[in-house]
């Protein structure tokens, strides 16, 4: 059996673990979101997401370094085995400790100033907002310290452990919701404190698992200074990309708070929750593929690198279409099922914009994976990130002159699309391909799949009144048509053969049982 076939089977197995994880995680998360909105109320829910968004605004530094750690871990594990991975672990551990201390100081100083001077919220909730901010900052630091251990788990492709911890995390967060009515303290501050405690538990679980299973997780007093400089340099350029991603989310969130207040922030937070669930499904496919993209590039197997890149883009885009087509066509009814009658204004249009933005971002995920594997980050991060950040000043101008908050999300969609085109041009410098081949292999099959999938569900949407019958018909026809059109028009023969093989295995297993 060839390495490529074995790699594809490993990807499929890990994707299965991740998919099972998401069935539990999303079910619990969406239920918890409705419950926490009821327990906290729209004001506190909006305030919490604003202060957490401010903390997340600084996470671009941690994200850039964490992505660098993951890349070097995959690269060294394939090239130099346990010895190389041990050097990466010890270097990463020191980098993350330094990062955690510096960011905690920066976040605390900047956050206190922001809450006291710029945060829009009722005066009687300022103290609770301050406590929520402090606990969010602590949880942020704990996430930073988890990065070296998460990188080891991902590099060894132990997705079963990743899935198990994610499910536990979701159960605990749901447990927080049920605990709040039983606690006499301020609910907003208590919620933030319990959330931070879950981050602590995740750190402990990852650290113990990595130490127990991977021999390279061993502390060494001496570190490789050359590797230290390389990782910092790589992460330094990566900062632009992480900063752009955070600003597109949290920067827009802060602008909306400034011009529109916490209730519209609550709508933005609900849309972000939908996006998080959607991206979590997509990550089930992307995360297992990323290590093999790095390893194939390290081995100079560029054909496989490009094949994985095109393939993962097609498959993840089909998954997004499968999940989101019913949501786009019947947004208001789904929101009433999820949230009842307490739906913040603009939630429905925010969700549609977020889905479209996520689709474009997904096209870029595979492209960025190739460039990360190459290590040639400077041009990609500076140019594509600068283009993405143009959404901030343009959104600010639209809201300043009285336009609807929807225009803020429209600007994110516009500049994200332009950034994707720029990223493809830069990728041509890293690996040999043409824009024509990309359009033929990826864009055209996906556009054809989406257009054909939407015909029947859209006709139902336009000819029937809102209600359970229309909802069920749209859902059933959307799933059926998207699945069929994806198989016939979007996927390639190798991907179809893999699907057939796993269906056959499932049937054989069922017959034995």
Protein backbone atom coordinates (compact mmCIF):
# COMPACT_ATOMS: atom_id res chain seq x y z
CA UNK A 1 0.00 0.00 0.00
CA UNK A 2 1.43 3.40 -0.99
CA UNK A 3 2.12 6.15 1.51
CA UNK A 4 -0.52 8.33 -0.18
CA UNK A 5 -3.22 5.66 0.23
CA UNK A 6 -2.24 5.09 3.87
CA UNK A 7 -2.28 8.83 4.43
CA UNK A 8 -5.74 9.15 2.88
CA UNK A 9 -7.07 6.37 5.09
CA UNK A 10 -5.58 8.03 8.17
CA UNK A 11 -7.19 11.32 7.16
CA UNK A 12 -10.56 9.60 6.74
CA UNK A 13 -10.31 7.84 10.12
CA UNK A 14 -9.35 11.03 11.92
CA UNK A 15 -12.11 12.94 10.15
CA UNK A 16 -14.57 10.35 11.44
CA UNK A 17 -13.41 10.93 15.04
CA UNK A 18 -13.76 14.67 14.53
CA UNK A 19 -17.22 14.35 13.00
CA UNK A 20 -18.52 12.25 15.89
CA UNK A 21 -17.07 14.87 18.22
CA UNK A 22 -18.96 17.62 16.45
CA UNK A 23 -22.31 15.85 16.68
CA UNK A 24 -22.04 16.11 20.46
CA UNK A 25 -20.24 19.44 20.67
CA UNK A 26 -22.57 21.38 18.38
CA UNK A 27 -25.71 19.94 19.94
CA UNK A 28 -24.53 20.96 23.39
CA UNK A 29 -23.12 24.31 22.29
CA UNK A 30 -26.24 25.55 20.50
CA UNK A 31 -28.46 24.49 23.37
CA UNK A 32 -26.11 26.18 25.83
CA UNK A 33 -26.14 29.39 23.75
CA UNK A 34 -29.92 29.66 23.97
CA UNK A 35 -29.84 28.89 27.68
CA UNK A 36 -27.06 31.36 28.50
CA UNK A 37 -28.85 34.10 26.53
CA UNK A 38 -31.90 33.50 28.72
CA UNK A 39 -29.92 33.37 31.97
CA UNK A 40 -27.74 36.43 31.33
CA UNK A 41 -30.14 38.47 29.21
CA UNK A 42 -29.30 40.38 26.04
CA UNK A 43 -27.41 43.17 27.85
CA UNK A 44 -25.06 40.94 29.89
CA UNK A 45 -24.64 38.53 26.99
CA UNK A 46 -23.61 41.40 24.72
CA UNK A 47 -21.30 42.86 27.39
CA UNK A 48 -19.63 39.48 27.96
CA UNK A 49 -18.96 38.95 24.27
CA UNK A 50 -17.61 42.49 23.96
CA UNK A 51 -15.07 42.15 26.81
CA UNK A 52 -14.13 38.65 25.66
CA UNK A 53 -13.76 40.08 22.18
CA UNK A 54 -11.37 42.67 23.54
CA UNK A 55 -9.23 39.92 25.10
CA UNK A 56 -9.39 37.92 21.88
CA UNK A 57 -8.21 41.00 20.04
CA UNK A 58 -4.75 40.32 21.50
CA UNK A 59 -4.81 36.61 20.74
CA UNK A 60 -3.39 37.24 17.27
CA UNK A 61 0.08 37.18 18.88
CA UNK A 62 -0.56 33.81 20.46
CA UNK A 63 -2.22 32.42 17.32
CA UNK A 64 0.73 33.37 15.16
CA UNK A 65 3.21 31.69 17.49
CA UNK A 66 0.99 28.63 18.01
CA UNK A 67 0.65 28.13 14.24
CA UNK A 68 4.43 28.35 13.98
CA UNK A 69 4.86 25.74 16.70
CA UNK A 70 2.47 23.41 14.87
CA UNK A 71 4.31 23.83 11.58
CA UNK A 72 7.77 23.24 13.09
CA UNK A 73 6.51 20.25 15.10
CA UNK A 74 5.10 18.56 11.97
CA UNK A 75 8.21 19.39 9.94
CA UNK A 76 10.76 18.23 12.51
CA UNK A 77 8.84 15.09 13.47
CA UNK A 78 8.88 13.98 9.83
CA UNK A 79 12.48 15.04 9.12
CA UNK A 80 14.31 14.26 12.41
CA UNK A 81 11.91 12.15 14.46
CA UNK A 82 11.72 12.31 18.27
CA UNK A 83 14.98 14.21 18.65
CA UNK A 84 13.83 17.05 16.39
CA UNK A 85 10.38 17.15 17.99
CA UNK A 86 11.96 17.37 21.46
CA UNK A 87 13.89 20.47 20.40
CA UNK A 88 10.68 22.04 19.12
CA UNK A 89 8.81 21.24 22.35
CA UNK A 90 11.42 22.78 24.63
CA UNK A 91 11.78 25.84 22.43
CA UNK A 92 8.00 26.24 22.17
CA UNK A 93 7.53 25.90 25.93
CA UNK A 94 9.85 28.82 26.63
CA UNK A 95 8.36 30.94 23.87
CA UNK A 96 4.83 30.41 25.17
CA UNK A 97 5.75 31.21 28.78
CA UNK A 98 7.33 34.50 27.67
CA UNK A 99 4.31 35.21 25.45
CA UNK A 100 1.86 34.49 28.28
CA UNK A 101 3.56 36.88 30.71
CA UNK A 102 3.89 39.72 28.20
CA UNK A 103 0.35 39.40 26.86
CA UNK A 104 -1.18 39.22 30.33
CA UNK A 105 0.46 42.55 31.20
CA UNK A 106 -0.57 44.17 27.92
CA UNK A 107 -4.13 42.86 28.02
CA UNK A 108 -4.70 43.92 31.63
CA UNK A 109 -3.44 47.47 31.13
CA UNK A 110 -5.27 48.02 27.83
CA UNK A 111 -8.44 46.26 28.98
CA UNK A 112 -8.87 48.29 32.16
CA UNK A 113 -8.50 51.48 30.14
CA UNK A 114 -11.00 50.29 27.52
CA UNK A 115 -13.67 49.25 30.02
CA UNK A 116 -13.38 52.49 32.02
CA UNK A 117 -13.33 54.78 28.98
CA UNK A 118 -14.84 53.18 25.88
CA UNK A 119 -17.11 50.25 26.75
CA UNK A 120 -20.79 50.98 26.09
CA UNK A 121 -22.85 49.28 28.80
CA UNK A 122 -25.19 50.25 31.68
CA UNK A 123 -23.24 51.88 34.58
CA UNK A 124 -24.46 49.30 37.10
CA UNK A 125 -22.83 46.51 35.05
CA UNK A 126 -19.33 48.01 34.84
CA UNK A 127 -18.02 46.13 37.90
CA UNK A 128 -19.33 42.82 36.58
CA UNK A 129 -17.83 43.59 33.17
CA UNK A 130 -14.46 44.24 34.83
CA UNK A 131 -14.51 40.90 36.66
CA UNK A 132 -15.57 39.10 33.48
CA UNK A 133 -12.64 40.74 31.71
CA UNK A 134 -10.09 39.63 34.34
CA UNK A 135 -11.29 36.03 34.25
CA UNK A 136 -11.26 36.06 30.44
CA UNK A 137 -7.65 37.26 30.53
CA UNK A 138 -6.68 34.37 32.83
CA UNK A 139 -8.40 31.87 30.53
CA UNK A 140 -6.54 33.42 27.62
CA UNK A 141 -3.17 32.84 29.33
CA UNK A 142 -4.05 29.21 30.06
CA UNK A 143 -4.85 28.68 26.38
CA UNK A 144 -1.43 30.10 25.45
CA UNK A 145 0.34 27.62 27.74
CA UNK A 146 -1.57 24.72 26.18
CA UNK A 147 -0.11 25.29 22.69
CA UNK A 148 3.07 23.10 22.91
CA UNK A 149 1.01 20.11 24.05
CA UNK A 150 -1.76 20.66 21.49
CA UNK A 151 0.89 20.79 18.76
CA UNK A 152 2.22 17.40 19.85
CA UNK A 153 -1.26 15.85 19.80
CA UNK A 154 -1.97 17.23 16.32
CA UNK A 155 1.43 16.27 14.88
CA UNK A 156 0.93 12.67 16.03
CA UNK A 157 -2.62 12.82 14.59
CA UNK A 158 -4.24 11.71 17.86
CA UNK A 159 -7.63 13.07 16.90
CA UNK A 160 -9.47 10.63 19.17
CA UNK A 161 -8.03 12.39 22.24
CA UNK A 162 -8.72 15.82 20.73
CA UNK A 163 -12.33 14.78 20.09
CA UNK A 164 -12.75 13.39 23.64
CA UNK A 165 -11.48 16.57 25.30
CA UNK A 166 -13.69 18.71 23.05
CA UNK A 167 -16.78 16.73 24.05
CA UNK A 168 -15.87 17.02 27.74
CA UNK A 169 -15.32 20.76 27.26
CA UNK A 170 -18.79 21.14 25.75
CA UNK A 171 -20.46 19.16 28.56
CA UNK A 172 -18.75 21.28 31.20
CA UNK A 173 -19.78 24.53 29.49
CA UNK A 174 -23.34 23.27 29.39
CA UNK A 175 -23.04 22.43 33.09
CA UNK A 176 -22.09 26.05 33.78
CA UNK A 177 -25.44 27.18 32.36
CA UNK A 178 -27.38 24.96 34.75
CA UNK A 179 -25.24 26.06 37.71
CA UNK A 180 -25.83 29.80 37.26
CA UNK A 181 -29.37 29.94 38.71
CA UNK A 182 -28.09 28.15 41.84
CA UNK A 183 -25.35 30.72 42.53
CA UNK A 184 -26.06 33.91 44.48
CA UNK A 185 -23.10 35.86 43.08
CA UNK A 186 -23.24 38.04 40.01
CA UNK A 187 -24.06 35.75 37.08
CA UNK A 188 -21.90 37.51 34.51
CA UNK A 189 -18.74 37.41 36.66
CA UNK A 190 -19.46 33.83 37.79
CA UNK A 191 -19.95 32.65 34.23
CA UNK A 192 -16.58 34.11 33.20
CA UNK A 193 -14.82 32.54 36.23
CA UNK A 194 -16.21 29.06 35.53
CA UNK A 195 -15.30 29.42 31.86
CA UNK A 196 -11.67 30.13 32.82
CA UNK A 197 -11.61 27.05 35.08
CA UNK A 198 -12.48 24.87 32.07
CA UNK A 199 -9.45 26.29 30.24
CA UNK A 200 -7.32 25.23 33.21
CA UNK A 201 -8.68 21.70 33.05
CA UNK A 202 -7.99 21.51 29.29
CA UNK A 203 -4.37 22.55 29.87
CA UNK A 204 -3.89 19.86 32.53
CA UNK A 205 -5.42 17.14 30.34
CA UNK A 206 -3.31 18.00 27.29
CA UNK A 207 -0.11 18.27 29.33
CA UNK A 208 -0.58 14.91 31.07
CA UNK A 209 -1.60 13.12 27.86
CA UNK A 210 1.34 14.47 25.87
CA UNK A 211 3.81 13.68 28.66
CA UNK A 212 2.47 10.14 28.98
CA UNK A 213 2.31 9.23 25.27
CA UNK A 214 5.05 11.15 23.46
CA UNK A 215 8.72 10.60 24.40
CA UNK A 216 9.76 14.01 23.04
CA UNK A 217 7.77 15.77 25.79
CA UNK A 218 10.73 15.94 28.15
CA UNK A 219 12.11 19.15 29.67
CA UNK A 220 15.69 20.09 28.73
CA UNK A 221 17.64 22.95 30.32
CA UNK A 222 19.41 23.85 27.08
CA UNK A 223 17.50 25.02 24.01
CA UNK A 224 18.39 25.32 20.34
CA UNK A 225 18.95 29.05 19.84
CA UNK A 226 18.91 28.72 16.05
CA UNK A 227 15.53 27.00 16.22
CA UNK A 228 14.33 29.65 18.68
CA UNK A 229 15.20 32.42 16.23
CA UNK A 230 13.65 30.53 13.30
CA UNK A 231 10.37 29.98 15.15
CA UNK A 232 10.21 33.60 16.29
CA UNK A 233 10.97 34.84 12.77
CA UNK A 234 8.34 32.55 11.22
CA UNK A 235 5.79 33.58 13.85
CA UNK A 236 6.70 37.23 13.43
CA UNK A 237 5.51 37.24 9.83
CA UNK A 238 2.57 35.07 10.80
CA UNK A 239 1.44 37.78 13.21
CA UNK A 240 0.02 39.78 10.33
CA UNK A 241 -2.30 36.95 9.34
CA UNK A 242 -3.45 36.24 12.86
CA UNK A 243 -3.95 39.94 13.54
CA UNK A 244 -6.03 40.26 10.39
CA UNK A 245 -8.24 37.31 11.38
CA UNK A 246 -8.82 38.61 14.88
CA UNK A 247 -9.50 42.15 13.68
CA UNK A 248 -12.05 40.95 11.15
CA UNK A 249 -13.95 39.36 14.02
CA UNK A 250 -13.26 41.40 17.14
CA UNK A 251 -12.44 44.73 15.51
CA UNK A 252 -15.84 44.70 13.76
CA UNK A 253 -17.40 43.67 17.08
CA UNK A 254 -15.90 46.69 18.85
CA UNK A 255 -17.02 49.06 16.06
CA UNK A 256 -20.56 47.69 16.28
CA UNK A 257 -20.51 48.20 20.06
CA UNK A 258 -19.29 51.78 19.65
CA UNK A 259 -21.99 52.81 17.16
CA UNK A 260 -24.88 50.43 17.94
CA UNK A 261 -24.58 49.23 21.57
CA UNK A 262 -24.62 45.83 23.31
CA UNK A 263 -27.94 44.56 21.92
CA UNK A 264 -26.58 44.54 18.35
CA UNK A 265 -23.42 42.98 19.81
CA UNK A 266 -25.64 40.15 21.05
CA UNK A 267 -26.85 39.62 17.46
CA UNK A 268 -23.24 39.62 16.27
CA UNK A 269 -22.33 37.12 18.99
CA UNK A 270 -25.11 34.76 17.93
CA UNK A 271 -23.96 34.94 14.32
CA UNK A 272 -20.41 34.25 15.49
CA UNK A 273 -21.74 31.21 17.37
CA UNK A 274 -23.20 29.84 14.14
CA UNK A 275 -19.91 30.53 12.38
CA UNK A 276 -17.96 28.76 15.13
CA UNK A 277 -20.13 25.68 14.76
CA UNK A 278 -19.75 25.74 11.00
CA UNK A 279 -15.97 26.14 11.12
CA UNK A 280 -15.79 23.37 13.69
CA UNK A 281 -17.37 20.99 11.19
CA UNK A 282 -14.93 22.11 8.52
CA UNK A 283 -11.98 21.69 10.87
CA UNK A 284 -12.88 18.00 11.13
CA UNK A 285 -11.44 17.70 7.63
CA UNK A 286 -8.78 20.42 7.63
CA UNK A 287 -7.04 19.46 10.91
CA UNK A 288 -6.28 15.84 9.89
CA UNK A 289 -4.99 17.02 6.49
CA UNK A 290 -2.66 19.81 7.68
CA UNK A 291 0.13 17.54 9.07
CA UNK A 292 0.28 15.61 5.81
CA UNK A 293 0.42 18.81 3.75
CA UNK A 294 3.48 19.90 5.75
CA UNK A 295 5.08 16.45 5.54
CA UNK A 296 4.51 16.08 1.78
CA UNK A 297 5.98 19.53 1.20
CA UNK A 298 8.95 18.69 3.46
CA UNK A 299 9.54 15.58 1.32
CA UNK A 300 9.24 17.69 -1.87
CA UNK A 301 6.23 15.67 -3.00
CA UNK A 302 4.56 18.73 -4.51
CA UNK A 303 2.01 16.79 -6.56
CA UNK A 304 0.55 15.31 -3.38
CA UNK A 305 0.69 18.70 -1.67
CA UNK A 306 -1.38 20.26 -4.44
CA UNK A 307 -3.71 17.26 -4.62
CA UNK A 308 -4.42 17.50 -0.88
CA UNK A 309 -4.94 21.25 -1.18
CA UNK A 310 -7.48 21.02 -3.98
CA UNK A 311 -9.18 18.00 -2.44
CA UNK A 312 -9.63 19.46 1.03
CA UNK A 313 -11.01 22.69 -0.46
CA UNK A 314 -13.62 20.80 -2.49
CA UNK A 315 -14.68 18.54 0.37
CA UNK A 316 -14.91 21.27 3.02
CA UNK A 317 -16.83 23.55 0.65
CA UNK A 318 -19.33 20.75 0.02
CA UNK A 319 -19.73 20.29 3.78
CA UNK A 320 -20.37 24.02 4.22
CA UNK A 321 -22.98 23.98 1.45
CA UNK A 322 -24.66 20.91 2.95
CA UNK A 323 -24.97 22.55 6.36
CA UNK A 324 -25.76 26.13 5.40
CA UNK A 325 -28.15 25.97 2.45
CA UNK A 326 -31.17 25.18 4.69
CA UNK A 327 -30.05 27.89 7.15
CA UNK A 328 -29.81 30.58 4.47
CA UNK A 329 -33.20 29.70 2.98
CA UNK A 330 -35.12 29.54 6.29
CA UNK A 331 -33.07 31.66 8.71
CA UNK A 332 -35.92 33.29 10.63
CA UNK A 333 -37.78 30.07 11.35
CA UNK A 334 -34.59 28.33 12.52
CA UNK A 335 -33.80 31.28 14.82
CA UNK A 336 -37.25 31.04 16.39
CA UNK A 337 -36.71 27.31 17.02
CA UNK A 338 -33.29 28.02 18.54
CA UNK A 339 -33.91 31.20 20.53
CA UNK A 340 -37.68 31.45 20.88
CA UNK A 341 -39.09 34.95 20.45
CA UNK A 342 -36.07 36.72 21.98
CA UNK A 343 -34.16 37.28 18.74
CA UNK A 344 -31.92 40.39 18.72
CA UNK A 345 -32.35 42.66 15.72
CA UNK A 346 -30.09 41.96 12.70
CA UNK A 347 -29.38 38.37 13.80
CA UNK A 348 -30.84 36.83 10.64
CA UNK A 349 -28.89 38.99 8.17
CA UNK A 350 -25.71 38.75 10.27
CA UNK A 351 -25.92 34.95 10.07
CA UNK A 352 -26.27 34.99 6.27
CA UNK A 353 -23.29 37.33 5.91
CA UNK A 354 -21.21 35.19 8.28
CA UNK A 355 -21.96 32.06 6.25
CA UNK A 356 -20.84 33.74 3.03
CA UNK A 357 -17.67 35.03 4.72
CA UNK A 358 -16.96 31.56 6.07
CA UNK A 359 -17.27 30.06 2.61
CA UNK A 360 -14.67 32.46 1.20
CA UNK A 361 -12.41 31.99 4.23
CA UNK A 362 -12.59 28.25 3.69
CA UNK A 363 -11.19 28.67 0.18
CA UNK A 364 -8.20 30.40 1.73
CA UNK A 365 -7.59 27.79 4.45
CA UNK A 366 -5.98 25.28 2.10
CA UNK A 367 -3.96 28.02 0.37
CA UNK A 368 -2.56 29.24 3.68
CA UNK A 369 -1.72 25.63 4.59
CA UNK A 370 0.60 25.32 1.59
CA UNK A 371 2.33 28.64 2.33
CA UNK A 372 2.73 27.71 6.00
CA UNK A 373 4.29 24.42 4.96
CA UNK A 374 6.83 26.26 2.82
CA UNK A 375 7.76 28.65 5.62
CA UNK A 376 7.82 31.59 3.16
CA UNK A 377 5.48 33.82 5.10
CA UNK A 378 6.63 37.40 4.59
CA UNK A 379 4.93 38.34 1.31
CA UNK A 380 1.78 36.31 1.97
CA UNK A 381 1.12 37.67 5.44
CA UNK A 382 1.96 41.30 4.77
CA UNK A 383 -0.04 41.64 1.55
CA UNK A 384 -3.07 39.42 2.16
CA UNK A 385 -3.45 40.61 5.75
CA UNK A 386 -3.22 44.27 4.75
CA UNK A 387 -5.97 43.73 2.20
CA UNK A 388 -8.18 41.96 4.78
CA UNK A 389 -7.78 44.77 7.30
CA UNK A 390 -9.31 47.25 4.89
CA UNK A 391 -12.68 46.04 6.18
CA UNK A 392 -12.08 47.92 9.46
CA UNK A 393 -11.84 51.52 8.14
CA UNK A 394 -14.52 50.98 5.51
CA UNK A 395 -16.95 49.48 8.06
CA UNK A 396 -16.19 52.36 10.44
CA UNK A 397 -17.04 54.92 7.76
CA UNK A 398 -20.32 53.24 6.83
CA UNK A 399 -21.52 53.09 10.45
CA UNK A 400 -20.26 56.60 11.19
CA UNK A 401 -22.47 57.99 8.43
CA UNK A 402 -25.55 56.18 9.68
CA UNK A 403 -25.72 53.08 7.51
CA UNK A 404 -27.15 49.79 8.78
CA UNK A 405 -24.83 47.47 10.82
CA UNK A 406 -25.23 45.03 7.92
CA UNK A 407 -22.75 47.14 5.97
CA UNK A 408 -20.02 46.27 8.47
CA UNK A 409 -20.39 42.59 7.59
CA UNK A 410 -20.68 43.42 3.89
CA UNK A 411 -17.26 45.11 4.06
CA UNK A 412 -15.76 42.00 5.68
CA UNK A 413 -17.15 39.85 2.86
CA UNK A 414 -15.87 42.20 0.16
CA UNK A 415 -12.30 42.46 1.44
CA UNK A 416 -12.11 38.76 2.35
CA UNK A 417 -12.94 37.92 -1.27
CA UNK A 418 -10.27 40.28 -2.60
CA UNK A 419 -7.76 38.82 -0.13
CA UNK A 420 -8.47 35.30 -1.40
CA UNK A 421 -7.59 36.31 -4.96
CA UNK A 422 -4.38 37.97 -3.76
CA UNK A 423 -3.48 34.82 -1.76
CA UNK A 424 -3.76 32.67 -4.87
CA UNK A 425 -1.38 34.96 -6.72
CA UNK A 426 1.14 34.65 -3.88
CA UNK A 427 0.74 30.86 -3.70
CA UNK A 428 1.99 30.66 -7.30
CA UNK A 429 5.40 31.75 -5.97
CA UNK A 430 5.48 28.78 -3.58
CA UNK A 431 4.22 25.89 -5.68
CA UNK A 432 3.70 25.47 -9.41
CA UNK A 433 0.05 25.80 -10.47
CA UNK A 434 -2.11 28.11 -12.59
CA UNK A 435 -5.20 30.13 -11.73
CA UNK A 436 -6.92 28.41 -14.65
CA UNK A 437 -6.27 24.97 -13.13
CA UNK A 438 -7.51 26.20 -9.74
CA UNK A 439 -10.70 27.52 -11.31
CA UNK A 440 -11.20 24.30 -13.26
CA UNK A 441 -10.38 21.95 -10.37
CA UNK A 442 -12.01 23.88 -7.50
CA UNK A 443 -14.14 26.94 -8.28
CA UNK A 444 -16.15 25.77 -11.27
CA UNK A 445 -17.19 22.40 -9.75
CA UNK A 446 -18.21 24.16 -6.53
CA UNK A 447 -20.22 26.89 -8.25
CA UNK A 448 -22.00 24.29 -10.37
CA UNK A 449 -22.77 22.19 -7.29
CA UNK A 450 -24.17 25.16 -5.34
CA UNK A 451 -26.32 26.47 -8.21
CA UNK A 452 -27.90 23.10 -8.97
CA UNK A 453 -28.39 22.23 -5.29
CA UNK A 454 -30.34 25.43 -4.58
CA UNK A 455 -32.95 25.22 -7.37
CA UNK A 456 -35.58 23.00 -5.70
CA UNK A 457 -35.15 24.29 -2.09
CA UNK A 458 -35.34 27.90 -3.34
CA UNK A 459 -38.56 27.14 -5.25
CA UNK A 460 -40.05 25.74 -2.03
CA UNK A 461 -38.92 28.85 -0.14
CA UNK A 462 -40.60 31.17 -2.63
CA UNK A 463 -43.90 29.30 -2.96
CA UNK A 464 -44.70 28.25 0.64
CA UNK A 465 -45.44 30.14 3.84
CA UNK A 466 -43.08 29.89 6.80
CA UNK A 467 -43.74 26.89 9.04
CA UNK A 468 -42.77 23.36 9.92
CA UNK A 469 -43.78 21.87 6.56
CA UNK A 470 -41.69 24.36 4.59
CA UNK A 471 -38.79 23.95 7.01
CA UNK A 472 -38.79 20.16 6.71
CA UNK A 473 -39.15 20.24 2.91
CA UNK A 474 -36.32 22.78 2.53
CA UNK A 475 -34.10 20.77 4.87
CA UNK A 476 -34.76 17.43 3.18
CA UNK A 477 -34.39 18.68 -0.40
CA UNK A 478 -31.31 20.76 0.47
CA UNK A 479 -29.52 17.80 2.02
CA UNK A 480 -30.53 15.45 -0.79
CA UNK A 481 -29.64 17.82 -3.63
CA UNK A 482 -26.38 19.03 -2.07
CA UNK A 483 -25.23 15.48 -1.40
CA UNK A 484 -26.12 14.34 -4.92
CA UNK A 485 -24.64 17.38 -6.68
CA UNK A 486 -21.48 17.26 -4.56
CA UNK A 487 -20.92 13.63 -5.48
CA UNK A 488 -21.64 14.15 -9.19
CA UNK A 489 -20.11 17.56 -9.87
CA UNK A 490 -17.75 18.69 -7.10
CA UNK A 491 -15.79 15.62 -6.01
CA UNK A 492 -13.12 13.84 -8.06
CA UNK A 493 -12.90 10.13 -8.78
CA UNK A 494 -10.41 9.45 -5.96
CA UNK A 495 -12.71 11.12 -3.43
CA UNK A 496 -15.74 9.23 -4.77
CA UNK A 497 -13.86 5.92 -4.54
CA UNK A 498 -12.94 6.64 -0.92
CA UNK A 499 -16.60 7.34 -0.11
CA UNK A 500 -17.68 4.10 -1.80
CA UNK A 501 -15.03 2.16 0.10
CA UNK A 502 -16.14 3.45 3.48
CA UNK A 503 -19.83 2.90 2.69
CA UNK A 504 -18.97 -0.70 1.78
CA UNK A 505 -17.02 -1.15 5.01
CA UNK A 506 -19.91 0.27 7.01
CA UNK A 507 -22.37 -2.09 5.29
CA UNK A 508 -20.12 -5.10 5.92
CA UNK A 509 -19.80 -4.14 9.57
CA UNK A 510 -23.58 -3.74 9.88
CA UNK A 511 -24.18 -7.16 8.30
CA UNK A 512 -21.79 -8.78 10.77
CA UNK A 513 -23.55 -7.15 13.69
